Amino acid sequence: MVDKPAPDATRRSEKSRRAIYDAALALVGEVGYPRTTVEGIAARAGVGKQTIYRWWSSKADVLLEAFLDLGEQVARTAGQEPYAIPDTGDLAADLKAVLRATVDELLDPRFEVPSRALAAEGLVNEQVGREFVSKLLEPQLQLYVARLRAAQGTGEVRGDVDPRIALELFVSPLAQRWLQRTGPISYDYTDTLVEYALHGIAPRRPAARPAAGPARRV
């Protein structure tokens, strides 16, 4: 009698976890957050409800983790580091690059449908909103804070600027336009946001010419 190899529990668990992620994101996009249930996620994923509760305490935890994983997958597919802001020494170029990647993500149907559902629920459900901010948004915003602080160290940003407020000059308009559909989002749009944020919208004064010295006799 030939002994059969024992099933790989790690591989099986990862397969189940991936199925749960996919099921959760699909359901919240199709029926919305309130009608998404742990039972529905389990049925869609082909696992028992107890499997989900073994790893997560609520559907909110499942969805947020699935959402974070989705962001990492999208970034890897695009050949980017997930949730990373480059530091090439050129702040404007770095901000434009990461915001362009954000545009790609926001327009990706895999990301857009569930993220809209979660964002909408966060507006009316305080607990979900807090979880959404603390686990998903704030860690990303802190990357901008770190990059702006580095730019303060090199003189690209004034030392008295609050990075946490400054980042909202380009992040918040993008989020608002996307969430409320007040206009299209594009690379040109986010590039312009960076230009306005870094250089302002007041007329740029020409550089002052040095005062002429006294005339010399030859």
Protein backbone atom coordinates (compact mmCIF):
# COMPACT_ATOMS: atom_id res chain seq x y z
CA MET A 1 0.00 0.00 0.00
CA VAL A 2 1.39 3.37 -1.05
CA ASP A 3 1.20 6.12 1.54
CA LYS A 4 -0.43 9.26 0.19
CA PRO A 5 1.30 12.52 1.09
CA ALA A 6 -0.54 14.55 3.70
CA PRO A 7 -2.35 17.58 2.27
CA ASP A 8 -0.47 20.84 2.56
CA ALA A 9 -2.49 22.77 5.15
CA THR A 10 -0.61 26.00 4.44
CA ARG A 11 -1.43 25.84 0.75
CA ARG A 12 -5.05 24.94 1.47
CA SER A 13 -5.40 27.83 3.91
CA GLU A 14 -3.93 30.31 1.45
CA LYS A 15 -6.31 29.10 -1.25
CA SER A 16 -9.26 29.53 1.12
CA ARG A 17 -8.06 32.95 2.21
CA ARG A 18 -7.75 34.08 -1.40
CA ALA A 19 -11.25 32.77 -2.17
CA ILE A 20 -12.63 34.66 0.83
CA TYR A 21 -10.95 37.90 -0.28
CA ASP A 22 -12.40 37.56 -3.78
CA ALA A 23 -15.86 36.69 -2.47
CA ALA A 24 -15.95 39.59 -0.01
CA LEU A 25 -14.91 42.18 -2.59
CA ALA A 26 -17.32 40.81 -5.20
CA LEU A 27 -20.27 40.79 -2.81
CA VAL A 28 -19.75 44.27 -1.40
CA GLY A 29 -19.54 45.58 -4.93
CA GLU A 30 -22.70 43.78 -6.02
CA VAL A 31 -25.04 44.23 -3.05
CA GLY A 32 -23.36 46.92 -0.91
CA TYR A 33 -21.89 46.73 2.55
CA PRO A 34 -25.11 46.40 4.62
CA ARG A 35 -26.32 43.35 2.67
CA THR A 36 -22.93 41.66 2.64
CA THR A 37 -22.75 39.01 5.39
CA VAL A 38 -20.18 36.57 6.69
CA GLU A 39 -22.56 33.77 5.66
CA GLY A 40 -22.76 35.16 2.14
CA ILE A 41 -18.99 35.51 1.89
CA ALA A 42 -18.51 31.95 3.13
CA ALA A 43 -21.02 30.55 0.65
CA ARG A 44 -19.50 32.48 -2.24
CA ALA A 45 -15.99 31.37 -1.28
CA GLY A 46 -17.00 27.74 -0.78
CA VAL A 47 -15.84 27.60 2.84
CA GLY A 48 -17.54 27.17 6.19
CA LYS A 49 -18.53 30.21 8.22
CA GLN A 50 -16.30 28.97 11.02
CA THR A 51 -13.31 29.25 8.69
CA ILE A 52 -13.90 32.97 8.36
CA TYR A 53 -14.39 33.49 12.09
CA ARG A 54 -11.16 31.59 12.71
CA TRP A 55 -9.25 34.39 10.94
CA TRP A 56 -11.44 37.47 11.33
CA SER A 57 -13.87 38.79 13.93
CA SER A 58 -16.28 40.55 11.57
CA LYS A 59 -17.14 41.19 7.94
CA ALA A 60 -15.54 44.63 8.25
CA ASP A 61 -12.21 43.01 9.12
CA VAL A 62 -12.53 40.64 6.17
CA LEU A 63 -13.32 43.44 3.73
CA LEU A 64 -10.62 45.79 4.90
CA GLU A 65 -7.96 43.10 4.75
CA ALA A 66 -9.19 42.02 1.33
CA PHE A 67 -9.04 45.62 0.20
CA LEU A 68 -5.47 46.07 1.43
CA ASP A 69 -4.47 42.87 -0.31
CA LEU A 70 -6.12 44.08 -3.52
CA GLY A 71 -4.09 47.29 -3.44
CA GLU A 72 -0.89 45.29 -3.07
CA GLN A 73 -1.86 43.01 -5.96
CA VAL A 74 -2.66 45.96 -8.24
CA ALA A 75 0.68 47.56 -7.39
CA ARG A 76 2.60 44.35 -8.06
CA THR A 77 0.83 43.90 -11.39
CA ALA A 78 1.95 47.40 -12.37
CA GLY A 79 5.50 46.65 -11.25
CA GLN A 80 5.33 49.06 -8.33
CA GLU A 81 6.05 48.78 -4.64
CA PRO A 82 2.72 48.73 -2.78
CA TYR A 83 1.99 51.93 -0.87
CA ALA A 84 5.42 53.42 -1.47
CA ILE A 85 6.38 56.96 -2.39
CA PRO A 86 9.70 57.26 -4.22
CA ASP A 87 12.39 59.64 -3.06
CA THR A 88 14.45 60.54 -6.10
CA GLY A 89 15.36 63.96 -4.79
CA ASP A 90 12.73 65.60 -7.00
CA LEU A 91 9.61 66.11 -4.88
CA ALA A 92 7.33 67.22 -7.70
CA ALA A 93 8.26 64.23 -9.87
CA ASP A 94 7.82 61.81 -6.97
CA LEU A 95 4.39 63.15 -6.05
CA LYS A 96 3.26 63.10 -9.67
CA ALA A 97 4.40 59.50 -10.03
CA VAL A 98 2.55 58.23 -6.98
CA LEU A 99 -0.62 60.17 -7.83
CA ARG A 100 -0.57 58.81 -11.36
CA ALA A 101 -0.40 55.32 -9.87
CA THR A 102 -3.33 56.25 -7.65
CA VAL A 103 -5.33 57.30 -10.71
CA ASP A 104 -4.63 53.91 -12.29
CA GLU A 105 -5.85 52.19 -9.14
CA LEU A 106 -8.99 54.30 -8.76
CA LEU A 107 -9.96 53.61 -12.37
CA ASP A 108 -9.32 49.87 -12.10
CA PRO A 109 -12.76 48.16 -11.92
CA ARG A 110 -11.36 45.57 -9.49
CA PHE A 111 -10.62 48.39 -7.08
CA GLU A 112 -13.26 50.97 -7.91
CA VAL A 113 -16.44 48.98 -7.24
CA PRO A 114 -15.62 47.67 -3.74
CA SER A 115 -13.80 50.84 -2.71
CA ARG A 116 -16.81 52.99 -3.54
CA ALA A 117 -19.04 50.66 -1.53
CA LEU A 118 -16.73 50.77 1.49
CA ALA A 119 -16.22 54.52 1.26
CA ALA A 120 -19.96 55.12 1.07
CA GLU A 121 -20.59 52.89 4.07
CA GLY A 122 -17.89 54.67 6.02
CA LEU A 123 -19.83 57.92 5.70
CA VAL A 124 -22.91 56.53 7.47
CA ASN A 125 -21.36 53.82 9.63
CA GLU A 126 -19.00 55.42 12.14
CA GLN A 127 -17.28 52.17 13.12
CA VAL A 128 -16.59 51.19 9.52
CA GLY A 129 -15.42 54.73 8.81
CA ARG A 130 -12.93 54.63 11.68
CA GLU A 131 -11.63 51.24 10.59
CA PHE A 132 -11.35 52.41 6.99
CA VAL A 133 -9.31 55.44 8.02
CA SER A 134 -7.09 53.80 10.64
CA LYS A 135 -6.27 50.61 8.73
CA LEU A 136 -6.27 51.80 5.15
CA LEU A 137 -6.09 55.56 4.65
CA GLU A 138 -3.92 56.81 7.49
CA PRO A 139 -0.98 54.43 6.84
CA GLN A 140 -0.92 55.68 3.24
CA LEU A 141 -1.17 59.32 4.28
CA GLN A 142 1.75 58.87 6.64
CA LEU A 143 3.89 57.93 3.65
CA TYR A 144 3.16 61.37 2.21
CA VAL A 145 4.03 62.93 5.57
CA ALA A 146 7.38 61.15 5.58
CA ARG A 147 8.15 62.22 2.00
CA LEU A 148 7.25 65.85 2.71
CA ARG A 149 9.38 65.86 5.86
CA ALA A 150 12.29 64.56 3.82
CA ALA A 151 11.69 67.42 1.39
CA GLN A 152 11.80 69.86 4.29
CA GLY A 153 15.21 68.48 5.13
CA THR A 154 16.48 69.25 1.62
CA GLY A 155 14.86 72.68 1.45
CA GLU A 156 12.21 71.78 -1.15
CA VAL A 157 9.45 72.51 1.39
CA ARG A 158 9.42 75.28 3.97
CA GLY A 159 10.30 74.14 7.48
CA ASP A 160 7.20 75.71 9.02
CA VAL A 161 4.78 73.73 6.83
CA ASP A 162 2.66 71.04 8.53
CA PRO A 163 3.08 67.99 6.24
CA ARG A 164 -0.20 66.42 7.40
CA ILE A 165 -2.11 69.49 6.22
CA ALA A 166 0.01 70.04 3.12
CA LEU A 167 -0.66 66.56 1.71
CA GLU A 168 -4.38 67.33 1.64
CA LEU A 169 -3.74 69.95 -1.03
CA PHE A 170 -3.36 67.22 -3.63
CA VAL A 171 -4.82 64.07 -2.02
CA SER A 172 -8.18 65.51 -0.94
CA PRO A 173 -9.18 67.10 -4.27
CA LEU A 174 -8.45 63.82 -6.04
CA ALA A 175 -10.53 61.84 -3.55
CA GLN A 176 -13.42 64.28 -3.74
CA ARG A 177 -13.50 64.35 -7.54
CA TRP A 178 -13.42 60.57 -7.68
CA LEU A 179 -15.99 59.94 -4.93
CA GLN A 180 -18.48 62.59 -6.00
CA ARG A 181 -17.81 62.27 -9.74
CA THR A 182 -17.44 66.04 -10.08
CA GLY A 183 -15.04 65.60 -13.00
CA PRO A 184 -12.70 63.13 -14.67
CA ILE A 185 -9.48 62.06 -13.02
CA SER A 186 -6.36 61.77 -15.14
CA TYR A 187 -2.59 62.18 -15.10
CA ASP A 188 -2.96 65.77 -16.29
CA TYR A 189 -5.32 66.48 -13.41
CA THR A 190 -3.05 65.09 -10.70
CA ASP A 191 0.05 66.68 -12.25
CA THR A 192 -1.77 70.02 -12.06
CA LEU A 193 -2.72 69.41 -8.43
CA VAL A 194 0.95 68.93 -7.59
CA GLU A 195 1.95 72.09 -9.45
CA TYR A 196 -0.71 74.14 -7.69
CA ALA A 197 0.13 72.64 -4.29
CA LEU A 198 3.86 73.22 -4.58
CA HIS A 199 3.85 76.58 -6.38
CA GLY A 200 0.50 78.14 -5.48
CA ILE A 201 -1.91 79.96 -7.75
CA ALA A 202 -0.82 83.57 -7.23
CA PRO A 203 1.04 85.25 -10.11
CA ARG A 204 4.72 84.44 -10.08
CA ARG A 205 6.82 87.54 -9.74
CA PRO A 206 9.92 87.80 -11.91
CA ALA A 207 13.19 87.56 -10.04
CA ALA A 208 14.39 90.93 -8.84
CA ARG A 209 17.36 92.29 -10.74
CA PRO A 210 20.42 93.25 -8.71
CA ALA A 211 20.75 96.98 -8.16
CA ALA A 212 23.19 98.67 -10.48
CA GLY A 213 26.35 99.93 -8.84
CA PRO A 214 27.76 103.46 -9.22
CA ALA A 215 29.10 104.28 -12.64
CA ARG A 216 32.87 104.16 -12.97
CA ARG A 217 34.93 106.67 -14.88
CA VAL A 218 37.27 105.26 -17.42
